[in-house]
């Protein structure tokens, strides 16, 4: 019995010795390892170009962060993440070094769903999560532009949410309703490629301008927007595809169970 205990302790000691040896070896080798490549991935760069590889490289250079040719153990990936995260269009970032000396930086951009232009000219995006995203001086996202009667009643501060604490109809704000509409359009491949501009009248009635077709879409209020959009899509696929996209100058979807059109 005692011999078995001694045997087990001896085996455990040998294993522990080799583990310490391996860890020491890896530690020594890691100190020798230098960064051989900087690999920057900007997710969804085909949809939005708010931030580029050049922006990340420039940011690192400005703050004196060295990578290529420098020991991996001296590269502070947490600092890199913190700096990149300060860009307003950045949703998340992850920086890490691989065992073969490659510094990888994965950047996920925020996704605008709508652009707001207020009465006083104040302009900003609202992103997919309902938060304000300031405009970029170097890139314009191709999302529906909303203008008209939109009071400038909210400060344009990055990441300010337009979603009220209580989203019941009586507590909804104009910006929240516009965000809901923008997100609905964004999630629909046809609508996101077709709806170009939304004009808001006093009282909340809306007209829309399409990218294709010489007509105005009289949409009405945001209420029942899902139903109205489905009616509009059905009309496009079944009626306009037969008579032509420029047959009508006005398509009115405000009324229940019908679409009223005015010919050119």
Protein backbone atom coordinates (compact mmCIF):
# COMPACT_ATOMS: atom_id res chain seq x y z
CA UNK A 1 0.00 0.00 0.00
CA UNK A 2 2.80 2.39 1.00
CA UNK A 3 4.75 1.36 -2.09
CA UNK A 4 1.80 2.29 -4.33
CA UNK A 5 1.55 5.72 -2.71
CA UNK A 6 5.27 6.30 -3.18
CA UNK A 7 5.01 5.18 -6.81
CA UNK A 8 2.15 7.58 -7.50
CA UNK A 9 4.00 10.47 -5.86
CA UNK A 10 7.08 9.69 -7.95
CA UNK A 11 5.04 9.68 -11.18
CA UNK A 12 3.37 12.95 -10.18
CA UNK A 13 6.76 14.46 -9.43
CA UNK A 14 8.14 13.45 -12.82
CA UNK A 15 5.08 14.90 -14.58
CA UNK A 16 5.38 18.11 -12.59
CA UNK A 17 9.07 18.34 -13.43
CA UNK A 18 8.41 18.02 -17.16
CA UNK A 19 5.58 20.54 -16.99
CA UNK A 20 7.86 23.07 -15.34
CA UNK A 21 10.53 22.30 -17.92
CA UNK A 22 8.10 22.78 -20.83
CA UNK A 23 6.69 26.01 -19.40
CA UNK A 24 10.20 27.34 -18.88
CA UNK A 25 11.13 26.43 -22.43
CA UNK A 26 7.99 28.08 -23.85
CA UNK A 27 8.64 31.18 -21.74
CA UNK A 28 12.22 31.46 -23.00
CA UNK A 29 11.15 30.90 -26.61
CA UNK A 30 8.32 33.44 -26.32
CA UNK A 31 10.79 36.06 -25.17
CA UNK A 32 12.80 35.36 -28.31
CA UNK A 33 9.74 35.44 -30.60
CA UNK A 34 9.36 38.61 -32.65
CA UNK A 35 6.30 39.89 -34.52
CA UNK A 36 6.65 38.78 -38.13
CA UNK A 37 3.35 40.08 -39.52
CA UNK A 38 0.55 42.53 -38.77
CA UNK A 39 -2.80 41.11 -39.86
CA UNK A 40 -5.72 43.57 -39.59
CA UNK A 41 -9.26 42.41 -40.37
CA UNK A 42 -12.01 45.02 -40.77
CA UNK A 43 -15.29 43.12 -40.68
CA UNK A 44 -18.05 44.15 -43.12
CA UNK A 45 -15.65 46.45 -44.99
CA UNK A 46 -17.65 45.78 -48.15
CA UNK A 47 -20.70 47.45 -46.55
CA UNK A 48 -19.08 50.25 -44.55
CA UNK A 49 -15.65 51.86 -44.66
CA UNK A 50 -15.66 54.03 -41.56
CA UNK A 51 -12.31 52.62 -40.48
CA UNK A 52 -9.53 51.18 -42.63
CA UNK A 53 -6.35 49.22 -42.12
CA UNK A 54 -4.44 52.47 -42.65
CA UNK A 55 -6.36 54.11 -39.79
CA UNK A 56 -5.35 51.32 -37.41
CA UNK A 57 -1.69 51.44 -38.48
CA UNK A 58 -1.63 55.24 -38.20
CA UNK A 59 -3.18 55.08 -34.72
CA UNK A 60 -0.55 52.62 -33.53
CA UNK A 61 2.27 54.73 -34.97
CA UNK A 62 0.89 57.92 -33.40
CA UNK A 63 0.91 56.30 -29.96
CA UNK A 64 4.33 54.74 -30.43
CA UNK A 65 3.13 51.14 -30.53
CA UNK A 66 5.70 48.97 -32.27
CA UNK A 67 4.88 45.60 -33.78
CA UNK A 68 6.86 44.28 -36.77
CA UNK A 69 10.28 43.06 -35.73
CA UNK A 70 9.66 43.64 -32.03
CA UNK A 71 9.38 40.96 -29.34
CA UNK A 72 5.82 39.67 -29.02
CA UNK A 73 5.97 39.89 -25.24
CA UNK A 74 6.46 43.66 -25.51
CA UNK A 75 3.30 44.20 -27.56
CA UNK A 76 0.47 45.33 -25.28
CA UNK A 77 -2.66 44.09 -27.04
CA UNK A 78 -4.94 45.54 -24.35
CA UNK A 79 -3.68 49.06 -25.10
CA UNK A 80 -4.21 48.45 -28.82
CA UNK A 81 -7.81 47.40 -28.17
CA UNK A 82 -8.47 50.43 -25.96
CA UNK A 83 -7.12 52.86 -28.56
CA UNK A 84 -9.06 51.37 -31.47
CA UNK A 85 -12.23 51.19 -29.38
CA UNK A 86 -12.13 55.00 -29.09
CA UNK A 87 -13.10 55.30 -32.77
CA UNK A 88 -16.87 56.05 -32.72
CA UNK A 89 -17.67 53.64 -35.60
CA UNK A 90 -16.02 50.68 -33.84
CA UNK A 91 -18.38 48.17 -32.23
CA UNK A 92 -15.74 45.79 -30.92
CA UNK A 93 -12.07 44.94 -31.36
CA UNK A 94 -9.88 41.99 -30.44
CA UNK A 95 -6.07 42.00 -30.65
CA UNK A 96 -3.85 39.00 -29.98
CA UNK A 97 -0.55 37.42 -30.99
CA UNK A 98 -0.32 33.90 -32.39
CA UNK A 99 2.32 31.34 -31.44
CA UNK A 100 4.14 32.00 -34.72
CA UNK A 101 4.49 35.74 -34.12
CA UNK A 102 1.54 37.21 -36.03
CA UNK A 103 -0.28 40.16 -34.46
CA UNK A 104 -3.94 39.85 -35.41
CA UNK A 105 -6.39 42.72 -34.94
CA UNK A 106 -10.08 42.01 -35.63
CA UNK A 107 -12.28 45.11 -35.84
CA UNK A 108 -16.09 45.02 -36.05
CA UNK A 109 -17.76 48.22 -37.28
CA UNK A 110 -21.08 49.57 -36.11
CA UNK A 111 -23.93 49.28 -38.62
CA UNK A 112 -25.90 52.46 -39.41
CA UNK A 113 -29.50 51.81 -40.41
CA UNK A 114 -30.67 55.37 -41.05
CA UNK A 115 -29.34 58.91 -41.35
CA UNK A 116 -31.19 61.77 -39.67
CA UNK A 117 -31.11 65.40 -40.85
CA UNK A 118 -32.84 67.71 -38.35
CA UNK A 119 -34.56 71.05 -38.95
CA UNK A 120 -31.41 72.97 -38.02
CA UNK A 121 -29.16 70.91 -40.30
CA UNK A 122 -27.85 68.73 -37.47
CA UNK A 123 -27.13 65.28 -38.89
CA UNK A 124 -26.11 61.86 -37.58
CA UNK A 125 -26.69 58.14 -38.01
CA UNK A 126 -28.64 55.77 -35.81
CA UNK A 127 -27.03 52.34 -35.69
CA UNK A 128 -28.54 48.86 -35.57
CA UNK A 129 -28.67 48.91 -31.77
CA UNK A 130 -30.51 52.23 -31.61
CA UNK A 131 -27.52 54.39 -30.69
CA UNK A 132 -26.36 57.65 -32.23
CA UNK A 133 -23.30 57.47 -34.46
CA UNK A 134 -21.75 60.82 -35.50
CA UNK A 135 -21.06 61.38 -39.20
CA UNK A 136 -17.65 60.55 -40.60
CA UNK A 137 -15.68 63.14 -42.57
CA UNK A 138 -14.17 60.41 -44.76
CA UNK A 139 -17.07 58.06 -45.51
CA UNK A 140 -20.83 58.22 -46.09
CA UNK A 141 -22.93 55.14 -45.42
CA UNK A 142 -25.57 54.34 -48.05
CA UNK A 143 -28.61 54.14 -45.78
CA UNK A 144 -31.98 55.91 -46.11
CA UNK A 145 -31.78 59.64 -45.37
CA UNK A 146 -34.60 61.07 -43.25
CA UNK A 147 -35.29 64.82 -43.32
CA UNK A 148 -38.19 67.20 -42.96
CA UNK A 149 -39.89 68.09 -39.69
CA UNK A 150 -37.41 66.57 -37.23
CA UNK A 151 -36.64 68.80 -34.24
CA UNK A 152 -33.05 68.79 -32.93
CA UNK A 153 -34.10 67.68 -29.46
CA UNK A 154 -31.28 65.27 -28.65
CA UNK A 155 -27.55 65.97 -28.29
CA UNK A 156 -25.39 64.32 -30.92
CA UNK A 157 -23.23 62.36 -28.50
CA UNK A 158 -21.70 59.09 -29.62
CA UNK A 159 -23.55 56.01 -28.33
CA UNK A 160 -26.52 57.97 -26.97
CA UNK A 161 -29.50 55.61 -27.17
CA UNK A 162 -32.75 56.68 -28.85
CA UNK A 163 -34.61 53.70 -27.36
CA UNK A 164 -36.85 54.83 -24.47
CA UNK A 165 -36.96 52.89 -21.24
CA UNK A 166 -40.61 52.11 -21.94
CA UNK A 167 -41.34 51.34 -25.59
CA UNK A 168 -45.13 51.35 -25.25
CA UNK A 169 -46.76 53.40 -28.00
CA UNK A 170 -47.68 56.30 -25.70
CA UNK A 171 -44.03 56.70 -24.66
CA UNK A 172 -42.41 56.29 -28.09
CA UNK A 173 -40.42 59.18 -29.50
CA UNK A 174 -40.10 60.25 -33.11
CA UNK A 175 -36.47 59.15 -33.24
CA UNK A 176 -37.32 55.75 -31.81
CA UNK A 177 -40.01 55.22 -34.45
CA UNK A 178 -37.59 56.30 -37.20
CA UNK A 179 -35.00 53.91 -35.80
CA UNK A 180 -37.55 51.07 -35.87
CA UNK A 181 -38.34 51.87 -39.47
CA UNK A 182 -34.67 52.14 -40.42
CA UNK A 183 -33.89 48.78 -38.85
CA UNK A 184 -36.84 47.15 -40.58
CA UNK A 185 -35.66 48.50 -43.95
CA UNK A 186 -32.08 47.43 -43.20
CA UNK A 187 -33.13 43.86 -42.45
CA UNK A 188 -35.06 43.54 -45.71
CA UNK A 189 -32.80 43.09 -48.79
CA UNK A 190 -35.36 44.56 -51.20
CA UNK A 191 -36.32 47.57 -49.10
CA UNK A 192 -32.72 48.39 -48.19
CA UNK A 193 -31.82 48.54 -51.88
CA UNK A 194 -34.95 50.50 -52.87
CA UNK A 195 -35.78 53.08 -50.17
CA UNK A 196 -33.48 56.07 -50.58
CA UNK A 197 -35.08 58.99 -48.75
CA UNK A 198 -37.87 59.58 -46.22
CA UNK A 199 -39.49 62.98 -45.73
CA UNK A 200 -41.35 63.65 -42.47
CA UNK A 201 -44.21 66.19 -42.41
CA UNK A 202 -45.51 67.99 -39.31
CA UNK A 203 -47.72 65.48 -37.52
CA UNK A 204 -45.61 62.50 -38.53
CA UNK A 205 -46.92 61.66 -42.02
CA UNK A 206 -44.16 60.44 -44.35
CA UNK A 207 -43.33 60.24 -48.03
CA UNK A 208 -40.57 58.05 -49.42
CA UNK A 209 -38.43 58.31 -52.53
CA UNK A 210 -37.16 55.11 -54.17
CA UNK A 211 -33.82 54.50 -55.87
CA UNK A 212 -35.56 52.96 -58.89
CA UNK A 213 -38.74 54.42 -60.37
CA UNK A 214 -40.01 57.95 -60.89
CA UNK A 215 -42.65 57.99 -58.16
CA UNK A 216 -43.33 59.04 -54.58
CA UNK A 217 -44.46 56.54 -51.96
CA UNK A 218 -47.09 58.07 -49.67
CA UNK A 219 -46.53 56.02 -46.52
CA UNK A 220 -48.46 57.87 -43.83
CA UNK A 221 -47.58 57.38 -40.17
CA UNK A 222 -45.17 54.77 -38.89
CA UNK A 223 -48.07 52.75 -37.45
CA UNK A 224 -48.57 49.36 -39.14
CA UNK A 225 -45.34 49.86 -41.04
CA UNK A 226 -44.75 46.11 -41.45
CA UNK A 227 -48.14 45.71 -43.14
CA UNK A 228 -47.57 48.74 -45.38
CA UNK A 229 -44.12 47.59 -46.44
CA UNK A 230 -45.42 44.13 -47.30
CA UNK A 231 -48.20 45.71 -49.40
CA UNK A 232 -45.61 47.85 -51.16
CA UNK A 233 -43.36 44.88 -51.90
CA UNK A 234 -46.29 42.90 -53.29
CA UNK A 235 -47.27 45.84 -55.50
CA UNK A 236 -43.71 46.15 -56.81
CA UNK A 237 -43.44 42.45 -57.63
CA UNK A 238 -46.88 41.95 -59.15
CA UNK A 239 -47.98 45.31 -60.59
CA UNK A 240 -44.95 47.42 -61.43
CA UNK A 241 -43.07 44.47 -62.87
CA UNK A 242 -45.93 44.18 -65.41
CA UNK A 243 -46.66 47.82 -66.28
CA UNK A 244 -43.24 49.37 -65.69
CA UNK A 245 -41.58 51.19 -62.79
CA UNK A 246 -42.37 54.66 -64.16
CA UNK A 247 -46.09 54.10 -64.82
CA UNK A 248 -47.19 55.96 -61.66
CA UNK A 249 -46.10 59.20 -60.08
CA UNK A 250 -47.59 58.38 -56.66
CA UNK A 251 -48.14 55.12 -54.79
CA UNK A 252 -50.25 55.51 -51.65
CA UNK A 253 -50.11 52.70 -49.08
CA UNK A 254 -51.72 54.60 -46.19
CA UNK A 255 -55.12 52.95 -46.53
CA UNK A 256 -56.01 49.54 -45.21
CA UNK A 257 -56.50 46.69 -47.72
CA UNK A 258 -55.74 48.84 -50.76
CA UNK A 259 -53.11 50.78 -52.64
CA UNK A 260 -54.12 53.99 -54.40
CA UNK A 261 -51.98 55.01 -57.38
CA UNK A 262 -51.81 58.15 -59.50
CA UNK A 263 -50.60 57.75 -63.07
CA UNK A 264 -48.02 59.96 -64.71
